């Protein structure tokens, strides 16, 4: 039941994000299209990868066709890579929107965003196919494979390279961008405080600013902590399996991979449920009001207090 619930949350949560952004024209913005790309990757993880992965966990002796195993491995690494880089791209997008608002509004168009996302998906697919092929996970096709044989193995050089490309770069990007965003918010709050001359108003504003800073710090902590919690265990086990090629090591990798997939379940909660427009979109979708004519023109933007 737990497995079914996790898959259901992943699929339904990301599907709601996809429907919301695609249906309501008000939400057709560069930032939301990055969220759409993230939701699409996480949705496909829930549909194609999670059932295969949890089947291996529940029955380690399960036997699959080699072609099916290869497809699932390619989908797993490709979609996970896209998901991780979409999270990093969201951080970069928010930073430039705050740092260069006028330049962002004129240069960062929907068409440019779609081109960037297209390149991201294409490069991710090519990279992961090369990764699998270079390590003999595609060329060596057997008639049937069992659970340990279906887990992709990577040599030491590719493990280090993949660690840098898929973990270090996006992780450092997320941390640096959100630290810069927090610094900008703090600097703006200080400027507002300095412009106030009345002590009473200034005191209230300082209290509000401190509350805002604590909220921003808390959000930053959640974002980075969840990202690290989902990725660090897997890459530690990935390094270990290079030197310890035993069945027990394969099952460690299999279990730590679960955390990466759970990130796809958490993403719609962290990146979408915090948006008021998404909460309003859910109500319109679940009440079937999107089936009415001109529903795509409905106002779903909620003024944040």
C-alpha atoms as a PDB file:
ATOM      1  CA  UNK A   1       0.000   0.000   0.000  1.00  0.00           C
ATOM      2  CA  UNK A   2       2.880   2.359   0.783  1.00  0.00           C
ATOM      3  CA  UNK A   3       4.379   1.777  -2.654  1.00  0.00           C
ATOM      4  CA  UNK A   4       1.040   2.458  -4.338  1.00  0.00           C
ATOM      5  CA  UNK A   5       0.593   5.630  -2.259  1.00  0.00           C
ATOM      6  CA  UNK A   6       4.060   6.953  -3.182  1.00  0.00           C
ATOM      7  CA  UNK A   7       3.494   6.319  -6.881  1.00  0.00           C
ATOM      8  CA  UNK A   8       0.019   7.861  -6.690  1.00  0.00           C
ATOM      9  CA  UNK A   9       1.315  11.015  -4.965  1.00  0.00           C
ATOM     10  CA  UNK A  10       4.133  11.346  -7.502  1.00  0.00           C
ATOM     11  CA  UNK A  11       1.900  10.883 -10.541  1.00  0.00           C
ATOM     12  CA  UNK A  12      -1.125  12.856  -9.348  1.00  0.00           C
ATOM     13  CA  UNK A  13       0.856  15.712  -7.769  1.00  0.00           C
ATOM     14  CA  UNK A  14       2.954  16.327 -10.859  1.00  0.00           C
ATOM     15  CA  UNK A  15      -0.028  15.792 -13.169  1.00  0.00           C
ATOM     16  CA  UNK A  16      -1.885  18.587 -11.379  1.00  0.00           C
ATOM     17  CA  UNK A  17       1.089  20.893 -11.951  1.00  0.00           C
ATOM     18  CA  UNK A  18       1.194  19.938 -15.649  1.00  0.00           C
ATOM     19  CA  UNK A  19      -2.546  20.506 -16.171  1.00  0.00           C
ATOM     20  CA  UNK A  20      -2.481  23.804 -14.281  1.00  0.00           C
ATOM     21  CA  UNK A  21       0.365  25.357 -16.246  1.00  0.00           C
ATOM     22  CA  UNK A  22      -0.730  23.996 -19.615  1.00  0.00           C
ATOM     23  CA  UNK A  23      -4.407  24.946 -19.250  1.00  0.00           C
ATOM     24  CA  UNK A  24      -4.372  28.406 -17.677  1.00  0.00           C
ATOM     25  CA  UNK A  25      -2.876  31.007 -20.014  1.00  0.00           C
ATOM     26  CA  UNK A  26      -2.078  33.293 -17.089  1.00  0.00           C
ATOM     27  CA  UNK A  27       0.524  30.761 -16.011  1.00  0.00           C
ATOM     28  CA  UNK A  28       2.383  30.725 -19.342  1.00  0.00           C
ATOM     29  CA  UNK A  29       5.523  32.403 -17.989  1.00  0.00           C
ATOM     30  CA  UNK A  30       9.209  31.424 -18.287  1.00  0.00           C
ATOM     31  CA  UNK A  31       9.441  30.418 -14.622  1.00  0.00           C
ATOM     32  CA  UNK A  32       6.301  28.308 -14.777  1.00  0.00           C
ATOM     33  CA  UNK A  33       7.495  26.511 -17.905  1.00  0.00           C
ATOM     34  CA  UNK A  34      10.595  25.448 -15.975  1.00  0.00           C
ATOM     35  CA  UNK A  35       8.247  24.156 -13.277  1.00  0.00           C
ATOM     36  CA  UNK A  36       6.326  22.382 -16.045  1.00  0.00           C
ATOM     37  CA  UNK A  37       9.507  20.709 -17.281  1.00  0.00           C
ATOM     38  CA  UNK A  38      10.334  19.605 -13.733  1.00  0.00           C
ATOM     39  CA  UNK A  39       6.818  18.258 -13.211  1.00  0.00           C
ATOM     40  CA  UNK A  40       6.928  16.422 -16.548  1.00  0.00           C
ATOM     41  CA  UNK A  41      10.218  14.704 -15.643  1.00  0.00           C
ATOM     42  CA  UNK A  42       8.941  13.759 -12.186  1.00  0.00           C
ATOM     43  CA  UNK A  43       5.621  12.568 -13.658  1.00  0.00           C
ATOM     44  CA  UNK A  44       7.442  10.255 -16.086  1.00  0.00           C
ATOM     45  CA  UNK A  45       9.571   8.963 -13.196  1.00  0.00           C
ATOM     46  CA  UNK A  46       6.371   8.021 -11.385  1.00  0.00           C
ATOM     47  CA  UNK A  47       4.839   6.381 -14.460  1.00  0.00           C
ATOM     48  CA  UNK A  48       7.793   4.537 -15.999  1.00  0.00           C
ATOM     49  CA  UNK A  49      10.568   4.165 -13.432  1.00  0.00           C
ATOM     50  CA  UNK A  50       8.960   3.815 -10.004  1.00  0.00           C
ATOM     51  CA  UNK A  51       6.856   0.679 -10.794  1.00  0.00           C
ATOM     52  CA  UNK A  52       9.940  -1.066 -12.203  1.00  0.00           C
ATOM     53  CA  UNK A  53      12.115   0.025  -9.270  1.00  0.00           C
ATOM     54  CA  UNK A  54       9.670  -1.001  -6.549  1.00  0.00           C
ATOM     55  CA  UNK A  55       9.091  -4.332  -8.310  1.00  0.00           C
ATOM     56  CA  UNK A  56      12.811  -5.035  -7.893  1.00  0.00           C
ATOM     57  CA  UNK A  57      12.650  -4.049  -4.224  1.00  0.00           C
ATOM     58  CA  UNK A  58       9.655  -6.276  -3.493  1.00  0.00           C
ATOM     59  CA  UNK A  59      10.956  -9.264  -5.442  1.00  0.00           C
ATOM     60  CA  UNK A  60      14.781  -9.335  -5.832  1.00  0.00           C
ATOM     61  CA  UNK A  61      14.599 -12.511  -7.940  1.00  0.00           C
ATOM     62  CA  UNK A  62      12.298 -10.943 -10.503  1.00  0.00           C
ATOM     63  CA  UNK A  63      13.449 -11.638 -14.050  1.00  0.00           C
ATOM     64  CA  UNK A  64      13.123  -9.008 -16.798  1.00  0.00           C
ATOM     65  CA  UNK A  65      13.861  -8.945 -20.489  1.00  0.00           C
ATOM     66  CA  UNK A  66      17.162  -7.224 -21.285  1.00  0.00           C
ATOM     67  CA  UNK A  67      15.483  -4.642 -23.536  1.00  0.00           C
ATOM     68  CA  UNK A  68      13.016  -3.689 -20.807  1.00  0.00           C
ATOM     69  CA  UNK A  69      15.862  -3.413 -18.313  1.00  0.00           C
ATOM     70  CA  UNK A  70      17.862  -1.128 -20.636  1.00  0.00           C
ATOM     71  CA  UNK A  71      14.845   1.111 -21.317  1.00  0.00           C
ATOM     72  CA  UNK A  72      14.152   1.483 -17.600  1.00  0.00           C
ATOM     73  CA  UNK A  73      17.788   2.282 -16.833  1.00  0.00           C
ATOM     74  CA  UNK A  74      17.974   4.913 -19.574  1.00  0.00           C
ATOM     75  CA  UNK A  75      14.673   6.437 -18.440  1.00  0.00           C
ATOM     76  CA  UNK A  76      15.784   6.384 -14.803  1.00  0.00           C
ATOM     77  CA  UNK A  77      19.087   8.182 -15.330  1.00  0.00           C
ATOM     78  CA  UNK A  78      17.750  10.534 -18.004  1.00  0.00           C
ATOM     79  CA  UNK A  79      14.667  11.676 -16.094  1.00  0.00           C
ATOM     80  CA  UNK A  80      16.536  11.974 -12.798  1.00  0.00           C
ATOM     81  CA  UNK A  81      19.199  14.102 -14.484  1.00  0.00           C
ATOM     82  CA  UNK A  82      16.548  16.340 -16.072  1.00  0.00           C
ATOM     83  CA  UNK A  83      14.755  16.684 -12.755  1.00  0.00           C
ATOM     84  CA  UNK A  84      17.927  17.689 -10.897  1.00  0.00           C
ATOM     85  CA  UNK A  85      18.954  20.247 -13.520  1.00  0.00           C
ATOM     86  CA  UNK A  86      15.452  21.695 -13.611  1.00  0.00           C
ATOM     87  CA  UNK A  87      15.746  22.359  -9.883  1.00  0.00           C
ATOM     88  CA  UNK A  88      19.068  24.124 -10.525  1.00  0.00           C
ATOM     89  CA  UNK A  89      17.538  26.056 -13.433  1.00  0.00           C
ATOM     90  CA  UNK A  90      14.719  27.272 -11.181  1.00  0.00           C
ATOM     91  CA  UNK A  91      17.322  28.641  -8.753  1.00  0.00           C
ATOM     92  CA  UNK A  92      19.171  30.438 -11.568  1.00  0.00           C
ATOM     93  CA  UNK A  93      15.900  31.817 -12.964  1.00  0.00           C
ATOM     94  CA  UNK A  94      14.852  33.237  -9.593  1.00  0.00           C
ATOM     95  CA  UNK A  95      18.266  34.797  -9.041  1.00  0.00           C
ATOM     96  CA  UNK A  96      18.292  36.648 -12.372  1.00  0.00           C
ATOM     97  CA  UNK A  97      14.663  37.716 -11.923  1.00  0.00           C
ATOM     98  CA  UNK A  98      15.603  39.398  -8.634  1.00  0.00           C
ATOM     99  CA  UNK A  99      19.041  40.717  -9.623  1.00  0.00           C
ATOM    100  CA  UNK A 100      18.212  42.043 -13.106  1.00  0.00           C
ATOM    101  CA  UNK A 101      14.419  42.498 -13.197  1.00  0.00           C
ATOM    102  CA  UNK A 102      14.285  44.813 -16.249  1.00  0.00           C
ATOM    103  CA  UNK A 103      16.750  42.755 -18.287  1.00  0.00           C
ATOM    104  CA  UNK A 104      14.963  39.561 -17.235  1.00  0.00           C
ATOM    105  CA  UNK A 105      11.568  40.838 -18.420  1.00  0.00           C
ATOM    106  CA  UNK A 106      12.909  41.780 -21.861  1.00  0.00           C
ATOM    107  CA  UNK A 107      15.359  38.943 -22.541  1.00  0.00           C
ATOM    108  CA  UNK A 108      13.911  35.918 -20.740  1.00  0.00           C
ATOM    109  CA  UNK A 109      10.990  35.083 -23.008  1.00  0.00           C
ATOM    110  CA  UNK A 110       8.866  31.952 -23.150  1.00  0.00           C
ATOM    111  CA  UNK A 111      10.450  30.933 -26.475  1.00  0.00           C
ATOM    112  CA  UNK A 112      13.960  31.255 -25.043  1.00  0.00           C
ATOM    113  CA  UNK A 113      12.952  29.218 -21.999  1.00  0.00           C
ATOM    114  CA  UNK A 114      11.525  26.463 -24.183  1.00  0.00           C
ATOM    115  CA  UNK A 115      14.753  26.357 -26.219  1.00  0.00           C
ATOM    116  CA  UNK A 116      16.821  26.031 -23.035  1.00  0.00           C
ATOM    117  CA  UNK A 117      14.585  23.232 -21.780  1.00  0.00           C
ATOM    118  CA  UNK A 118      14.758  21.445 -25.135  1.00  0.00           C
ATOM    119  CA  UNK A 119      18.564  21.573 -25.026  1.00  0.00           C
ATOM    120  CA  UNK A 120      18.528  20.329 -21.429  1.00  0.00           C
ATOM    121  CA  UNK A 121      16.364  17.308 -22.232  1.00  0.00           C
ATOM    122  CA  UNK A 122      18.365  16.472 -25.357  1.00  0.00           C
ATOM    123  CA  UNK A 123      21.782  16.804 -23.707  1.00  0.00           C
ATOM    124  CA  UNK A 124      20.640  14.762 -20.729  1.00  0.00           C
ATOM    125  CA  UNK A 125      19.427  11.949 -22.973  1.00  0.00           C
ATOM    126  CA  UNK A 126      22.631  11.886 -25.042  1.00  0.00           C
ATOM    127  CA  UNK A 127      24.839  12.003 -21.932  1.00  0.00           C
ATOM    128  CA  UNK A 128      23.073   9.133 -20.183  1.00  0.00           C
ATOM    129  CA  UNK A 129      22.964   6.933 -23.287  1.00  0.00           C
ATOM    130  CA  UNK A 130      26.728   7.457 -23.701  1.00  0.00           C
ATOM    131  CA  UNK A 131      27.228   6.736 -19.996  1.00  0.00           C
ATOM    132  CA  UNK A 132      25.331   3.469 -20.226  1.00  0.00           C
ATOM    133  CA  UNK A 133      26.960   2.405 -23.486  1.00  0.00           C
ATOM    134  CA  UNK A 134      30.512   3.240 -22.373  1.00  0.00           C
ATOM    135  CA  UNK A 135      30.082   1.036 -19.312  1.00  0.00           C
ATOM    136  CA  UNK A 136      28.678  -1.933 -21.214  1.00  0.00           C
ATOM    137  CA  UNK A 137      25.128  -1.591 -19.925  1.00  0.00           C
ATOM    138  CA  UNK A 138      23.611  -1.383 -23.412  1.00  0.00           C
ATOM    139  CA  UNK A 139      25.968  -3.380 -25.609  1.00  0.00           C
ATOM    140  CA  UNK A 140      25.855  -6.497 -23.420  1.00  0.00           C
ATOM    141  CA  UNK A 141      22.326  -7.738 -24.036  1.00  0.00           C
ATOM    142  CA  UNK A 142      21.228 -11.025 -22.508  1.00  0.00           C
ATOM    143  CA  UNK A 143      18.004 -12.895 -22.991  1.00  0.00           C
ATOM    144  CA  UNK A 144      16.822 -12.357 -19.406  1.00  0.00           C
ATOM    145  CA  UNK A 145      18.321 -10.574 -16.409  1.00  0.00           C
ATOM    146  CA  UNK A 146      17.671 -10.763 -12.687  1.00  0.00           C
ATOM    147  CA  UNK A 147      17.576  -7.947 -10.173  1.00  0.00           C
ATOM    148  CA  UNK A 148      21.351  -7.532  -9.498  1.00  0.00           C
ATOM    149  CA  UNK A 149      22.152  -7.839 -13.208  1.00  0.00           C
ATOM    150  CA  UNK A 150      19.619  -5.149 -14.109  1.00  0.00           C
ATOM    151  CA  UNK A 151      21.276  -2.513 -11.928  1.00  0.00           C
ATOM    152  CA  UNK A 152      23.569  -0.310 -13.990  1.00  0.00           C
ATOM    153  CA  UNK A 153      27.265  -0.540 -13.137  1.00  0.00           C
ATOM    154  CA  UNK A 154      29.726   2.303 -13.767  1.00  0.00           C
ATOM    155  CA  UNK A 155      33.515   2.203 -13.622  1.00  0.00           C
ATOM    156  CA  UNK A 156      35.583   4.415 -11.336  1.00  0.00           C
ATOM    157  CA  UNK A 157      36.361   7.152 -13.884  1.00  0.00           C
ATOM    158  CA  UNK A 158      32.753   7.489 -15.030  1.00  0.00           C
ATOM    159  CA  UNK A 159      31.560   7.442 -11.409  1.00  0.00           C
ATOM    160  CA  UNK A 160      33.716  10.464 -10.565  1.00  0.00           C
ATOM    161  CA  UNK A 161      32.720  12.247 -13.785  1.00  0.00           C
ATOM    162  CA  UNK A 162      29.024  11.542 -13.222  1.00  0.00           C
ATOM    163  CA  UNK A 163      29.350  12.677  -9.599  1.00  0.00           C
ATOM    164  CA  UNK A 164      30.673  16.054 -10.778  1.00  0.00           C
ATOM    165  CA  UNK A 165      28.150  16.503 -13.600  1.00  0.00           C
ATOM    166  CA  UNK A 166      24.996  15.262 -11.898  1.00  0.00           C
ATOM    167  CA  UNK A 167      25.662  16.143  -8.262  1.00  0.00           C
ATOM    168  CA  UNK A 168      28.395  18.732  -7.663  1.00  0.00           C
ATOM    169  CA  UNK A 169      27.468  21.216 -10.424  1.00  0.00           C
ATOM    170  CA  UNK A 170      23.694  21.406  -9.833  1.00  0.00           C
ATOM    171  CA  UNK A 171      24.069  21.206  -6.052  1.00  0.00           C
ATOM    172  CA  UNK A 172      26.601  24.045  -5.910  1.00  0.00           C
ATOM    173  CA  UNK A 173      24.450  26.058  -8.320  1.00  0.00           C
ATOM    174  CA  UNK A 174      21.389  25.665  -6.102  1.00  0.00           C
ATOM    175  CA  UNK A 175      23.254  26.582  -2.911  1.00  0.00           C
ATOM    176  CA  UNK A 176      25.040  29.602  -4.436  1.00  0.00           C
ATOM    177  CA  UNK A 177      21.936  30.947  -6.169  1.00  0.00           C
ATOM    178  CA  UNK A 178      19.721  30.684  -3.105  1.00  0.00           C
ATOM    179  CA  UNK A 179      22.379  32.245  -0.883  1.00  0.00           C
ATOM    180  CA  UNK A 180      22.552  35.152  -3.336  1.00  0.00           C
ATOM    181  CA  UNK A 181      18.752  35.402  -3.360  1.00  0.00           C
ATOM    182  CA  UNK A 182      18.718  35.472   0.442  1.00  0.00           C
ATOM    183  CA  UNK A 183      21.422  38.169   0.445  1.00  0.00           C
ATOM    184  CA  UNK A 184      19.435  40.296  -2.027  1.00  0.00           C
ATOM    185  CA  UNK A 185      16.258  39.979   0.053  1.00  0.00           C
ATOM    186  CA  UNK A 186      18.171  40.932   3.200  1.00  0.00           C
ATOM    187  CA  UNK A 187      19.793  43.919   1.477  1.00  0.00           C
ATOM    188  CA  UNK A 188      16.436  45.173   0.224  1.00  0.00           C
ATOM    189  CA  UNK A 189      14.933  44.816   3.692  1.00  0.00           C
ATOM    190  CA  UNK A 190      17.801  46.829   5.190  1.00  0.00           C
ATOM    191  CA  UNK A 191      17.318  49.608   2.645  1.00  0.00           C
ATOM    192  CA  UNK A 192      13.632  49.807   3.483  1.00  0.00           C
ATOM    193  CA  UNK A 193      14.435  49.971   7.184  1.00  0.00           C
ATOM    194  CA  UNK A 194      16.915  52.801   6.646  1.00  0.00           C
ATOM    195  CA  UNK A 195      14.348  54.830   4.724  1.00  0.00           C
ATOM    196  CA  UNK A 196      11.948  54.864   7.655  1.00  0.00           C
ATOM    197  CA  UNK A 197      12.374  57.786  10.047  1.00  0.00           C
ATOM    198  CA  UNK A 198       9.642  57.093  12.550  1.00  0.00           C
ATOM    199  CA  UNK A 199      10.824  54.818  15.317  1.00  0.00           C
ATOM    200  CA  UNK A 200       7.557  52.969  15.805  1.00  0.00           C
ATOM    201  CA  UNK A 201       7.073  52.208  12.150  1.00  0.00           C
ATOM    202  CA  UNK A 202      10.722  51.310  11.821  1.00  0.00           C
ATOM    203  CA  UNK A 203      10.435  48.869  14.712  1.00  0.00           C
ATOM    204  CA  UNK A 204       7.448  47.153  13.144  1.00  0.00           C
ATOM    205  CA  UNK A 205       9.205  47.003   9.801  1.00  0.00           C
ATOM    206  CA  UNK A 206      12.347  45.549  11.369  1.00  0.00           C
ATOM    207  CA  UNK A 207      10.284  42.864  13.052  1.00  0.00           C
ATOM    208  CA  UNK A 208       8.605  42.117   9.708  1.00  0.00           C
ATOM    209  CA  UNK A 209      11.984  42.043   7.959  1.00  0.00           C
ATOM    210  CA  UNK A 210      13.427  39.665  10.534  1.00  0.00           C
ATOM    211  CA  UNK A 211      10.413  37.395  10.131  1.00  0.00           C
ATOM    212  CA  UNK A 212      10.829  37.492   6.352  1.00  0.00           C
ATOM    213  CA  UNK A 213      14.526  36.659   6.658  1.00  0.00           C
ATOM    214  CA  UNK A 214      13.797  33.731   8.951  1.00  0.00           C
ATOM    215  CA  UNK A 215      11.167  32.468   6.502  1.00  0.00           C
ATOM    216  CA  UNK A 216      13.582  32.783   3.588  1.00  0.00           C
ATOM    217  CA  UNK A 217      16.300  31.002   5.557  1.00  0.00           C
ATOM    218  CA  UNK A 218      13.883  28.227   6.495  1.00  0.00           C
ATOM    219  CA  UNK A 219      12.789  27.776   2.881  1.00  0.00           C
ATOM    220  CA  UNK A 220      16.410  27.697   1.744  1.00  0.00           C
ATOM    221  CA  UNK A 221      17.204  25.099   4.386  1.00  0.00           C
ATOM    222  CA  UNK A 222      14.315  22.875   3.287  1.00  0.00           C
ATOM    223  CA  UNK A 223      15.216  23.110  -0.402  1.00  0.00           C
ATOM    224  CA  UNK A 224      18.898  22.321   0.065  1.00  0.00           C
ATOM    225  CA  UNK A 225      18.359  19.699   2.790  1.00  0.00           C
ATOM    226  CA  UNK A 226      15.826  17.698   0.763  1.00  0.00           C
ATOM    227  CA  UNK A 227      18.018  17.858  -2.323  1.00  0.00           C
ATOM    228  CA  UNK A 228      21.095  16.636  -0.409  1.00  0.00           C
ATOM    229  CA  UNK A 229      19.127  14.022   1.527  1.00  0.00           C
ATOM    230  CA  UNK A 230      17.905  12.466  -1.703  1.00  0.00           C
ATOM    231  CA  UNK A 231      21.209  12.519  -3.604  1.00  0.00           C
ATOM    232  CA  UNK A 232      24.072  12.072  -1.103  1.00  0.00           C
ATOM    233  CA  UNK A 233      23.263   8.466  -0.020  1.00  0.00           C
ATOM    234  CA  UNK A 234      23.053   7.287  -3.614  1.00  0.00           C
ATOM    235  CA  UNK A 235      26.396   8.763  -4.658  1.00  0.00           C
ATOM    236  CA  UNK A 236      28.108   7.386  -1.561  1.00  0.00           C
ATOM    237  CA  UNK A 237      26.846   3.907  -2.418  1.00  0.00           C
ATOM    238  CA  UNK A 238      27.755   4.463  -6.086  1.00  0.00           C
ATOM    239  CA  UNK A 239      31.376   5.052  -5.059  1.00  0.00           C
ATOM    240  CA  UNK A 240      31.370   2.016  -2.788  1.00  0.00           C
ATOM    241  CA  UNK A 241      30.002  -0.316  -5.445  1.00  0.00           C
ATOM    242  CA  UNK A 242      33.004   0.474  -7.653  1.00  0.00           C
ATOM    243  CA  UNK A 243      35.215  -1.267  -5.076  1.00  0.00           C
ATOM    244  CA  UNK A 244      32.708  -3.681  -3.522  1.00  0.00           C
ATOM    245  CA  UNK A 245      31.067  -5.740  -6.224  1.00  0.00           C
ATOM    246  CA  UNK A 246      28.893  -7.994  -4.097  1.00  0.00           C
ATOM    247  CA  UNK A 247      25.138  -8.684  -4.158  1.00  0.00           C
ATOM    248  CA  UNK A 248      24.731  -6.823  -0.879  1.00  0.00           C
ATOM    249  CA  UNK A 249      26.269  -3.708  -2.454  1.00  0.00           C
ATOM    250  CA  UNK A 250      23.809  -3.897  -5.328  1.00  0.00           C
ATOM    251  CA  UNK A 251      20.887  -3.894  -2.910  1.00  0.00           C
ATOM    252  CA  UNK A 252      22.346  -0.884  -1.080  1.00  0.00           C
ATOM    253  CA  UNK A 253      22.390   0.997  -4.380  1.00  0.00           C
ATOM    254  CA  UNK A 254      18.854  -0.176  -5.078  1.00  0.00           C
ATOM    255  CA  UNK A 255      17.607   1.171  -1.748  1.00  0.00           C
ATOM    256  CA  UNK A 256      19.455   4.498  -1.937  1.00  0.00           C
ATOM    257  CA  UNK A 257      18.089   4.988  -5.447  1.00  0.00           C
ATOM    258  CA  UNK A 258      14.661   5.046  -3.829  1.00  0.00           C
ATOM    259  CA  UNK A 259      15.549   8.365  -2.199  1.00  0.00           C
ATOM    260  CA  UNK A 260      16.236   9.937  -5.596  1.00  0.00           C
ATOM    261  CA  UNK A 261      12.846   8.811  -6.852  1.00  0.00           C
ATOM    262  CA  UNK A 262      11.182  10.096  -3.683  1.00  0.00           C
ATOM    263  CA  UNK A 263      12.572  13.506  -4.633  1.00  0.00           C
ATOM    264  CA  UNK A 264      10.148  13.378  -7.556  1.00  0.00           C
ATOM    265  CA  UNK A 265       7.348  12.927  -5.025  1.00  0.00           C
ATOM    266  CA  UNK A 266       8.502  15.821  -2.861  1.00  0.00           C
ATOM    267  CA  UNK A 267       9.205  18.281  -5.699  1.00  0.00           C
ATOM    268  CA  UNK A 268       5.570  19.167  -6.441  1.00  0.00           C
ATOM    269  CA  UNK A 269       5.068  19.835  -2.727  1.00  0.00           C
ATOM    270  CA  UNK A 270       8.123  22.067  -2.356  1.00  0.00           C
ATOM    271  CA  UNK A 271       8.026  23.868  -5.702  1.00  0.00           C
ATOM    272  CA  UNK A 272       4.313  23.966  -6.439  1.00  0.00           C
ATOM    273  CA  UNK A 273       2.166  23.709  -3.315  1.00  0.00           C
ATOM    274  CA  UNK A 274       3.844  26.812  -1.896  1.00  0.00           C
ATOM    275  CA  UNK A 275       2.409  28.817  -4.804  1.00  0.00           C
ATOM    276  CA  UNK A 276      -1.080  30.301  -4.195  1.00  0.00           C
ATOM    277  CA  UNK A 277      -1.907  29.993  -7.900  1.00  0.00           C
ATOM    278  CA  UNK A 278      -1.392  26.240  -7.701  1.00  0.00           C
ATOM    279  CA  UNK A 279      -3.743  25.914  -4.756  1.00  0.00           C
ATOM    280  CA  UNK A 280      -6.423  27.825  -6.684  1.00  0.00           C
ATOM    281  CA  UNK A 281      -5.756  25.747  -9.816  1.00  0.00           C
ATOM    282  CA  UNK A 282      -6.291  22.537  -7.852  1.00  0.00           C
ATOM    283  CA  UNK A 283      -9.716  23.738  -6.736  1.00  0.00           C
ATOM    284  CA  UNK A 284     -10.692  24.582 -10.314  1.00  0.00           C
ATOM    285  CA  UNK A 285      -9.421  21.240 -11.618  1.00  0.00           C
ATOM    286  CA  UNK A 286     -11.000  19.060  -8.934  1.00  0.00           C
ATOM    287  CA  UNK A 287     -14.334  20.864  -9.237  1.00  0.00           C
ATOM    288  CA  UNK A 288     -14.185  20.360 -13.034  1.00  0.00           C
ATOM    289  CA  UNK A 289     -14.547  24.078 -13.671  1.00  0.00           C
ATOM    290  CA  UNK A 290     -11.769  23.798 -16.258  1.00  0.00           C
ATOM    291  CA  UNK A 291     -14.232  21.928 -18.460  1.00  0.00           C
ATOM    292  CA  UNK A 292     -16.261  25.085 -19.017  1.00  0.00           C
ATOM    293  CA  UNK A 293     -15.737  27.350 -22.012  1.00  0.00           C
ATOM    294  CA  UNK A 294     -13.120  30.053 -21.671  1.00  0.00           C
ATOM    295  CA  UNK A 295     -11.832  28.357 -18.508  1.00  0.00           C
ATOM    296  CA  UNK A 296      -8.265  28.814 -19.721  1.00  0.00           C
ATOM    297  CA  UNK A 297      -8.726  32.553 -19.270  1.00  0.00           C
ATOM    298  CA  UNK A 298      -9.757  32.288 -15.615  1.00  0.00           C
ATOM    299  CA  UNK A 299      -7.822  34.351 -13.090  1.00  0.00           C
ATOM    300  CA  UNK A 300      -5.752  31.956 -10.991  1.00  0.00           C
ATOM    301  CA  UNK A 301      -3.243  34.463  -9.683  1.00  0.00           C
ATOM    302  CA  UNK A 302      -3.729  35.179  -6.009  1.00  0.00           C
ATOM    303  CA  UNK A 303      -2.364  38.321  -4.418  1.00  0.00           C
ATOM    304  CA  UNK A 304       0.164  37.236  -1.830  1.00  0.00           C
ATOM    305  CA  UNK A 305       0.121  38.965   1.518  1.00  0.00           C
END
